[in-house]
Amino acid sequence: MTESLSLVGKRIAADFAAMNLSALNLSSLGVFDKLAKLLEYHKDSAEAFKSAGWSIAPSMNRELKEKVVLLHQQNKTRYVSQVVLGYYHRNNFERLKNTVATWETNPLFSSRMHIFKAALEAHCNGTYTLSVPALLAQIEGIGKCQ
């Protein structure tokens, strides 16, 4: 039994040594530095959007987030709304339409895509009295599907 415990102890020690080498290897590759920068980037983005009164969405691309963070860092938060709205309004709402199109593969949205598409069309036509209530009702419905 003592031999078995000694063998188990050696295996555990070998596993710890391997884990230590793996962690050192990852560290030397800068993986943890990259992860820390990524976390800081997302923290900065969330703070910048929040300070401007906007929610950050997973579908927002890096370019938009970086513009908002830069404005926040320059104490120009008052321009964030113009940047966000302009970003999605450009080229006849091309980016907004593309964003909504990516939702088609999301199982939470698939049964409601006809509503999202109709709301998008109303929004692009400036008929916000149709688009906003239609979208607000979806928030509650999506939450129930989870």
N, C-alpha and C. Protein backbone atom coordinates (compact mmCIF):
# COMPACT_ATOMS: atom_id res chain seq x y z
N MET A 1 0.82 -1.19 0.00
CA MET A 1 0.00 0.00 0.00
C MET A 1 0.87 1.26 0.00
N THR A 2 1.97 1.20 0.73
CA THR A 2 2.88 2.34 0.77
C THR A 2 3.45 2.62 -0.61
N GLU A 3 3.76 1.55 -1.35
CA GLU A 3 4.27 1.73 -2.70
C GLU A 3 3.22 2.39 -3.59
N SER A 4 1.96 1.99 -3.44
CA SER A 4 0.87 2.57 -4.23
C SER A 4 0.73 4.06 -3.93
N LEU A 5 0.79 4.42 -2.63
CA LEU A 5 0.69 5.84 -2.26
C LEU A 5 1.88 6.61 -2.79
N SER A 6 3.05 6.02 -2.75
CA SER A 6 4.24 6.68 -3.26
C SER A 6 4.12 6.91 -4.76
N LEU A 7 3.58 5.91 -5.47
CA LEU A 7 3.39 6.04 -6.91
C LEU A 7 2.37 7.14 -7.23
N VAL A 8 1.27 7.17 -6.46
CA VAL A 8 0.26 8.22 -6.64
C VAL A 8 0.87 9.59 -6.36
N GLY A 9 1.66 9.68 -5.31
CA GLY A 9 2.33 10.94 -4.98
C GLY A 9 3.25 11.40 -6.09
N LYS A 10 3.98 10.48 -6.68
CA LYS A 10 4.88 10.83 -7.79
C LYS A 10 4.09 11.30 -9.01
N ARG A 11 2.97 10.64 -9.26
CA ARG A 11 2.14 11.04 -10.40
C ARG A 11 1.55 12.44 -10.18
N ILE A 12 1.11 12.68 -8.97
CA ILE A 12 0.56 14.02 -8.65
C ILE A 12 1.65 15.07 -8.79
N ALA A 13 2.84 14.77 -8.29
CA ALA A 13 3.95 15.72 -8.40
C ALA A 13 4.29 15.97 -9.86
N ALA A 14 4.27 14.92 -10.67
CA ALA A 14 4.56 15.07 -12.10
C ALA A 14 3.49 15.92 -12.78
N ASP A 15 2.22 15.70 -12.40
CA ASP A 15 1.13 16.50 -12.98
C ASP A 15 1.27 17.97 -12.61
N PHE A 16 1.61 18.24 -11.35
CA PHE A 16 1.81 19.63 -10.93
C PHE A 16 2.98 20.26 -11.68
N ALA A 17 4.05 19.51 -11.86
CA ALA A 17 5.21 20.02 -12.59
C ALA A 17 4.83 20.34 -14.03
N ALA A 18 4.02 19.47 -14.65
CA ALA A 18 3.57 19.70 -16.03
C ALA A 18 2.67 20.93 -16.11
N MET A 19 1.78 21.06 -15.13
CA MET A 19 0.91 22.24 -15.11
C MET A 19 1.72 23.51 -14.94
N ASN A 20 2.72 23.46 -14.08
CA ASN A 20 3.58 24.63 -13.85
C ASN A 20 4.31 25.00 -15.13
N LEU A 21 4.84 24.01 -15.85
CA LEU A 21 5.52 24.28 -17.11
C LEU A 21 4.55 24.85 -18.14
N SER A 22 3.32 24.32 -18.17
CA SER A 22 2.32 24.84 -19.10
C SER A 22 1.99 26.29 -18.79
N ALA A 23 1.81 26.60 -17.53
CA ALA A 23 1.51 27.98 -17.13
C ALA A 23 2.67 28.90 -17.48
N LEU A 24 3.90 28.43 -17.23
CA LEU A 24 5.08 29.25 -17.58
C LEU A 24 5.17 29.45 -19.09
N ASN A 25 4.87 28.40 -19.84
CA ASN A 25 4.90 28.49 -21.29
C ASN A 25 3.86 29.48 -21.79
N LEU A 26 2.63 29.38 -21.26
CA LEU A 26 1.58 30.33 -21.65
C LEU A 26 1.97 31.75 -21.28
N SER A 27 2.55 31.90 -20.12
CA SER A 27 2.96 33.23 -19.67
C SER A 27 4.04 33.79 -20.58
N SER A 28 5.00 32.95 -20.96
CA SER A 28 6.08 33.44 -21.83
C SER A 28 5.57 33.79 -23.22
N LEU A 29 4.47 33.19 -23.64
CA LEU A 29 3.88 33.52 -24.93
C LEU A 29 3.04 34.80 -24.87
N GLY A 30 2.84 35.32 -23.69
CA GLY A 30 2.06 36.55 -23.53
C GLY A 30 0.57 36.32 -23.53
N VAL A 31 0.12 35.08 -23.35
CA VAL A 31 -1.31 34.79 -23.37
C VAL A 31 -2.03 35.55 -22.27
N PHE A 32 -1.46 35.56 -21.08
CA PHE A 32 -2.11 36.25 -19.96
C PHE A 32 -2.12 37.77 -20.18
N ASP A 33 -1.07 38.30 -20.79
CA ASP A 33 -1.03 39.73 -21.11
C ASP A 33 -2.13 40.08 -22.10
N LYS A 34 -2.28 39.23 -23.11
CA LYS A 34 -3.32 39.47 -24.12
C LYS A 34 -4.70 39.39 -23.49
N LEU A 35 -4.89 38.42 -22.59
CA LEU A 35 -6.17 38.28 -21.91
C LEU A 35 -6.46 39.50 -21.04
N ALA A 36 -5.45 39.99 -20.33
CA ALA A 36 -5.63 41.17 -19.48
C ALA A 36 -5.99 42.39 -20.33
N LYS A 37 -5.34 42.54 -21.48
CA LYS A 37 -5.65 43.67 -22.38
C LYS A 37 -7.07 43.57 -22.92
N LEU A 38 -7.48 42.34 -23.25
CA LEU A 38 -8.83 42.13 -23.76
C LEU A 38 -9.87 42.47 -22.70
N LEU A 39 -9.64 42.04 -21.47
CA LEU A 39 -10.56 42.36 -20.38
C LEU A 39 -10.62 43.86 -20.13
N GLU A 40 -9.46 44.51 -20.17
CA GLU A 40 -9.41 45.97 -19.97
C GLU A 40 -10.15 46.69 -21.09
N TYR A 41 -9.98 46.21 -22.33
CA TYR A 41 -10.66 46.81 -23.48
C TYR A 41 -12.18 46.74 -23.29
N HIS A 42 -12.68 45.57 -22.90
CA HIS A 42 -14.12 45.42 -22.71
C HIS A 42 -14.62 46.26 -21.54
N LYS A 43 -13.82 46.37 -20.50
CA LYS A 43 -14.20 47.21 -19.36
C LYS A 43 -14.28 48.67 -19.79
N ASP A 44 -13.28 49.12 -20.55
CA ASP A 44 -13.28 50.50 -21.05
C ASP A 44 -14.48 50.76 -21.96
N SER A 45 -14.79 49.79 -22.82
CA SER A 45 -15.92 49.94 -23.73
C SER A 45 -17.22 50.07 -22.95
N ALA A 46 -17.42 49.18 -22.00
CA ALA A 46 -18.65 49.20 -21.21
C ALA A 46 -18.78 50.52 -20.46
N GLU A 47 -17.69 50.99 -19.88
CA GLU A 47 -17.71 52.25 -19.14
C GLU A 47 -18.02 53.43 -20.05
N ALA A 48 -17.43 53.44 -21.25
CA ALA A 48 -17.64 54.53 -22.19
C ALA A 48 -19.09 54.58 -22.66
N PHE A 49 -19.65 53.44 -23.01
CA PHE A 49 -21.04 53.41 -23.45
C PHE A 49 -21.97 53.80 -22.32
N LYS A 50 -21.73 53.29 -21.14
CA LYS A 50 -22.58 53.59 -19.98
C LYS A 50 -22.56 55.08 -19.67
N SER A 51 -21.39 55.70 -19.72
CA SER A 51 -21.31 57.12 -19.39
C SER A 51 -22.06 57.98 -20.40
N ALA A 52 -22.25 57.44 -21.62
CA ALA A 52 -22.97 58.18 -22.65
C ALA A 52 -24.45 57.83 -22.68
N GLY A 53 -24.86 56.92 -21.78
CA GLY A 53 -26.27 56.55 -21.73
C GLY A 53 -26.68 55.51 -22.75
N TRP A 54 -25.73 54.78 -23.28
CA TRP A 54 -26.00 53.74 -24.27
C TRP A 54 -25.69 52.37 -23.69
N SER A 55 -26.44 51.39 -24.14
CA SER A 55 -26.12 50.00 -23.82
C SER A 55 -25.17 49.49 -24.89
N ILE A 56 -24.27 48.63 -24.48
CA ILE A 56 -23.36 48.03 -25.44
C ILE A 56 -23.95 46.70 -25.86
N ALA A 57 -23.92 46.42 -27.14
CA ALA A 57 -24.49 45.18 -27.66
C ALA A 57 -23.39 44.27 -28.20
N PRO A 58 -23.55 42.98 -28.05
CA PRO A 58 -22.54 42.05 -28.56
C PRO A 58 -22.30 42.20 -30.06
N SER A 59 -23.31 42.66 -30.79
CA SER A 59 -23.17 42.79 -32.24
C SER A 59 -22.41 44.05 -32.68
N MET A 60 -22.11 44.93 -31.74
CA MET A 60 -21.36 46.14 -32.09
C MET A 60 -19.92 45.76 -32.41
N ASN A 61 -19.41 46.29 -33.51
CA ASN A 61 -18.07 45.89 -33.89
C ASN A 61 -17.00 46.72 -33.20
N ARG A 62 -15.78 46.28 -33.34
CA ARG A 62 -14.64 46.89 -32.68
C ARG A 62 -14.45 48.36 -33.08
N GLU A 63 -14.65 48.66 -34.35
CA GLU A 63 -14.48 50.03 -34.84
C GLU A 63 -15.38 51.00 -34.08
N LEU A 64 -16.64 50.65 -33.92
CA LEU A 64 -17.59 51.50 -33.21
C LEU A 64 -17.19 51.64 -31.75
N LYS A 65 -16.86 50.51 -31.12
CA LYS A 65 -16.47 50.55 -29.71
C LYS A 65 -15.24 51.43 -29.50
N GLU A 66 -14.27 51.33 -30.39
CA GLU A 66 -13.06 52.13 -30.25
C GLU A 66 -13.33 53.63 -30.39
N LYS A 67 -14.24 53.98 -31.31
CA LYS A 67 -14.62 55.39 -31.46
C LYS A 67 -15.26 55.92 -30.19
N VAL A 68 -16.15 55.11 -29.61
CA VAL A 68 -16.84 55.52 -28.39
C VAL A 68 -15.85 55.65 -27.23
N VAL A 69 -14.94 54.70 -27.10
CA VAL A 69 -13.93 54.76 -26.04
C VAL A 69 -13.06 55.99 -26.21
N LEU A 70 -12.65 56.29 -27.44
CA LEU A 70 -11.82 57.46 -27.69
C LEU A 70 -12.54 58.75 -27.31
N LEU A 71 -13.80 58.86 -27.68
CA LEU A 71 -14.57 60.04 -27.29
C LEU A 71 -14.68 60.16 -25.78
N HIS A 72 -14.88 59.03 -25.13
CA HIS A 72 -14.97 59.03 -23.66
C HIS A 72 -13.65 59.49 -23.05
N GLN A 73 -12.54 58.98 -23.57
CA GLN A 73 -11.22 59.36 -23.04
C GLN A 73 -10.92 60.83 -23.29
N GLN A 74 -11.48 61.40 -24.35
CA GLN A 74 -11.27 62.81 -24.67
C GLN A 74 -12.32 63.71 -24.02
N ASN A 75 -13.12 63.15 -23.13
CA ASN A 75 -14.21 63.87 -22.47
C ASN A 75 -15.19 64.49 -23.47
N LYS A 76 -15.45 63.77 -24.54
CA LYS A 76 -16.40 64.20 -25.57
C LYS A 76 -17.59 63.24 -25.64
N THR A 77 -18.03 62.79 -24.49
CA THR A 77 -19.11 61.82 -24.40
C THR A 77 -20.39 62.34 -25.06
N ARG A 78 -20.54 63.64 -25.11
CA ARG A 78 -21.76 64.21 -25.69
C ARG A 78 -21.91 63.88 -27.19
N TYR A 79 -20.81 63.45 -27.83
CA TYR A 79 -20.85 63.12 -29.26
C TYR A 79 -21.11 61.63 -29.52
N VAL A 80 -21.16 60.83 -28.48
CA VAL A 80 -21.31 59.39 -28.65
C VAL A 80 -22.62 59.05 -29.37
N SER A 81 -23.71 59.70 -29.01
CA SER A 81 -24.99 59.42 -29.67
C SER A 81 -24.91 59.66 -31.16
N GLN A 82 -24.27 60.76 -31.56
CA GLN A 82 -24.12 61.05 -32.98
C GLN A 82 -23.31 59.96 -33.69
N VAL A 83 -22.26 59.48 -33.02
CA VAL A 83 -21.41 58.45 -33.60
C VAL A 83 -22.18 57.14 -33.76
N VAL A 84 -22.87 56.73 -32.70
CA VAL A 84 -23.61 55.46 -32.75
C VAL A 84 -24.72 55.53 -33.79
N LEU A 85 -25.51 56.58 -33.74
CA LEU A 85 -26.61 56.71 -34.71
C LEU A 85 -26.08 56.82 -36.14
N GLY A 86 -25.03 57.61 -36.32
CA GLY A 86 -24.43 57.74 -37.64
C GLY A 86 -23.88 56.43 -38.16
N TYR A 87 -23.28 55.67 -37.27
CA TYR A 87 -22.71 54.38 -37.64
C TYR A 87 -23.78 53.47 -38.25
N TYR A 88 -24.94 53.42 -37.62
CA TYR A 88 -26.00 52.53 -38.10
C TYR A 88 -26.87 53.14 -39.20
N HIS A 89 -26.89 54.47 -39.32
CA HIS A 89 -27.72 55.12 -40.34
C HIS A 89 -27.04 55.19 -41.71
N ARG A 90 -25.71 55.19 -41.72
CA ARG A 90 -24.96 55.35 -42.98
C ARG A 90 -25.39 54.34 -44.03
N ASN A 91 -25.31 54.79 -45.29
CA ASN A 91 -25.60 53.93 -46.44
C ASN A 91 -26.96 53.24 -46.34
N ASN A 92 -27.96 54.05 -46.06
CA ASN A 92 -29.33 53.55 -45.99
C ASN A 92 -29.47 52.40 -44.98
N PHE A 93 -28.87 52.60 -43.79
CA PHE A 93 -28.98 51.65 -42.68
C PHE A 93 -28.31 50.30 -42.98
N GLU A 94 -27.31 50.30 -43.85
CA GLU A 94 -26.68 49.04 -44.26
C GLU A 94 -26.15 48.23 -43.07
N ARG A 95 -25.45 48.88 -42.14
CA ARG A 95 -24.91 48.14 -40.99
C ARG A 95 -26.01 47.63 -40.08
N LEU A 96 -27.05 48.41 -39.89
CA LEU A 96 -28.16 47.96 -39.06
C LEU A 96 -28.85 46.75 -39.70
N LYS A 97 -29.05 46.81 -41.00
CA LYS A 97 -29.67 45.69 -41.72
C LYS A 97 -28.79 44.44 -41.63
N ASN A 98 -27.49 44.64 -41.78
CA ASN A 98 -26.57 43.50 -41.69
C ASN A 98 -26.58 42.90 -40.28
N THR A 99 -26.65 43.75 -39.28
CA THR A 99 -26.70 43.27 -37.90
C THR A 99 -27.94 42.43 -37.67
N VAL A 100 -29.08 42.94 -38.08
CA VAL A 100 -30.33 42.20 -37.90
C VAL A 100 -30.29 40.89 -38.70
N ALA A 101 -29.68 40.90 -39.85
CA ALA A 101 -29.57 39.68 -40.66
C ALA A 101 -28.79 38.59 -39.93
N THR A 102 -27.81 38.97 -39.11
CA THR A 102 -27.04 37.97 -38.38
C THR A 102 -27.87 37.28 -37.30
N TRP A 103 -28.96 37.88 -36.90
CA TRP A 103 -29.81 37.29 -35.87
C TRP A 103 -30.59 36.08 -36.38
N GLU A 104 -30.70 35.94 -37.69
CA GLU A 104 -31.51 34.87 -38.26
C GLU A 104 -31.06 33.49 -37.82
N THR A 105 -29.78 33.34 -37.50
CA THR A 105 -29.27 32.03 -37.09
C THR A 105 -29.36 31.81 -35.58
N ASN A 106 -29.80 32.82 -34.84
CA ASN A 106 -29.92 32.70 -33.39
C ASN A 106 -31.25 32.03 -33.04
N PRO A 107 -31.20 30.89 -32.36
CA PRO A 107 -32.45 30.19 -32.05
C PRO A 107 -33.42 30.99 -31.18
N LEU A 108 -32.91 31.93 -30.40
CA LEU A 108 -33.80 32.76 -29.58
C LEU A 108 -34.63 33.71 -30.45
N PHE A 109 -34.10 34.05 -31.62
CA PHE A 109 -34.76 35.05 -32.46
C PHE A 109 -35.52 34.45 -33.64
N SER A 110 -35.24 33.22 -34.00
CA SER A 110 -35.76 32.66 -35.25
C SER A 110 -37.29 32.76 -35.37
N SER A 111 -38.01 32.48 -34.32
CA SER A 111 -39.48 32.53 -34.41
C SER A 111 -40.00 33.97 -34.47
N ARG A 112 -39.14 34.92 -34.17
CA ARG A 112 -39.57 36.33 -34.15
C ARG A 112 -38.95 37.16 -35.27
N MET A 113 -38.21 36.53 -36.17
CA MET A 113 -37.52 37.28 -37.21
C MET A 113 -38.47 38.11 -38.06
N HIS A 114 -39.67 37.61 -38.29
CA HIS A 114 -40.63 38.38 -39.08
C HIS A 114 -40.96 39.71 -38.37
N ILE A 115 -41.00 39.68 -37.05
CA ILE A 115 -41.27 40.90 -36.28
C ILE A 115 -40.07 41.84 -36.36
N PHE A 116 -38.88 41.28 -36.20
CA PHE A 116 -37.67 42.11 -36.27
C PHE A 116 -37.52 42.76 -37.65
N LYS A 117 -37.81 42.01 -38.68
CA LYS A 117 -37.68 42.55 -40.04
C LYS A 117 -38.72 43.65 -40.28
N ALA A 118 -39.94 43.45 -39.80
CA ALA A 118 -40.97 44.48 -39.96
C ALA A 118 -40.61 45.73 -39.16
N ALA A 119 -40.09 45.52 -37.94
CA ALA A 119 -39.67 46.66 -37.11
C ALA A 119 -38.50 47.38 -37.75
N LEU A 120 -37.58 46.64 -38.35
CA LEU A 120 -36.44 47.25 -39.04
C LEU A 120 -36.92 48.11 -40.21
N GLU A 121 -37.84 47.58 -40.97
CA GLU A 121 -38.37 48.34 -42.11
C GLU A 121 -39.06 49.62 -41.62
N ALA A 122 -39.84 49.51 -40.56
CA ALA A 122 -40.51 50.68 -40.01
C ALA A 122 -39.49 51.69 -39.50
N HIS A 123 -38.46 51.21 -38.83
CA HIS A 123 -37.42 52.09 -38.31
C HIS A 123 -36.70 52.82 -39.44
N CYS A 124 -36.33 52.08 -40.48
CA CYS A 124 -35.63 52.70 -41.62
C CYS A 124 -36.50 53.73 -42.32
N ASN A 125 -37.80 53.56 -42.24
CA ASN A 125 -38.74 54.53 -42.83
C ASN A 125 -39.08 55.66 -41.86
N GLY A 126 -38.49 55.64 -40.65
CA GLY A 126 -38.74 56.69 -39.68
C GLY A 126 -40.05 56.54 -38.93
N THR A 127 -40.68 55.40 -39.02
CA THR A 127 -41.96 55.15 -38.35
C THR A 127 -41.68 54.52 -36.99
N TYR A 128 -41.16 55.33 -36.09
CA TYR A 128 -40.74 54.83 -34.78
C TYR A 128 -41.91 54.45 -33.89
N THR A 129 -43.10 55.02 -34.17
CA THR A 129 -44.28 54.65 -33.38
C THR A 129 -44.67 53.19 -33.65
N LEU A 130 -44.17 52.63 -34.75
CA LEU A 130 -44.40 51.20 -35.02
C LEU A 130 -43.21 50.36 -34.56
N SER A 131 -42.00 50.83 -34.85
CA SER A 131 -40.83 50.00 -34.57
C SER A 131 -40.53 49.86 -33.08
N VAL A 132 -40.60 50.94 -32.33
CA VAL A 132 -40.23 50.89 -30.91
C VAL A 132 -41.17 49.99 -30.11
N PRO A 133 -42.50 50.16 -30.19
CA PRO A 133 -43.37 49.25 -29.43
C PRO A 133 -43.21 47.78 -29.85
N ALA A 134 -43.00 47.54 -31.13
CA ALA A 134 -42.83 46.16 -31.60
C ALA A 134 -41.58 45.55 -30.98
N LEU A 135 -40.51 46.31 -30.90
CA LEU A 135 -39.25 45.79 -30.34
C LEU A 135 -39.31 45.67 -28.82
N LEU A 136 -39.95 46.62 -28.16
CA LEU A 136 -40.06 46.54 -26.70
C LEU A 136 -40.80 45.28 -26.27
N ALA A 137 -41.82 44.92 -27.00
CA ALA A 137 -42.58 43.71 -26.66
C ALA A 137 -41.72 42.46 -26.82
N GLN A 138 -40.73 42.50 -27.67
CA GLN A 138 -39.87 41.33 -27.90
C GLN A 138 -38.91 41.08 -26.74
N ILE A 139 -38.54 42.12 -26.03
CA ILE A 139 -37.62 41.95 -24.90
C ILE A 139 -38.20 40.98 -23.89
N GLU A 140 -39.46 41.16 -23.56
CA GLU A 140 -40.10 40.26 -22.59
C GLU A 140 -40.24 38.86 -23.17
N GLY A 141 -40.58 38.75 -24.42
CA GLY A 141 -40.76 37.44 -25.05
C GLY A 141 -39.46 36.65 -25.14
N ILE A 142 -38.36 37.34 -25.44
CA ILE A 142 -37.06 36.65 -25.55
C ILE A 142 -36.64 36.16 -24.19
N GLY A 143 -36.86 36.96 -23.16
CA GLY A 143 -36.48 36.55 -21.80
C GLY A 143 -37.22 35.29 -21.37
N LYS A 144 -38.44 35.10 -21.81
CA LYS A 144 -39.22 33.92 -21.43
C LYS A 144 -38.72 32.66 -22.12
N CYS A 145 -38.07 32.81 -23.28
CA CYS A 145 -37.60 31.65 -24.03
C CYS A 145 -36.34 31.04 -23.44
N GLN A 146 -35.63 31.76 -22.62
CA GLN A 146 -34.34 31.27 -22.13
C GLN A 146 -34.49 30.20 -21.09
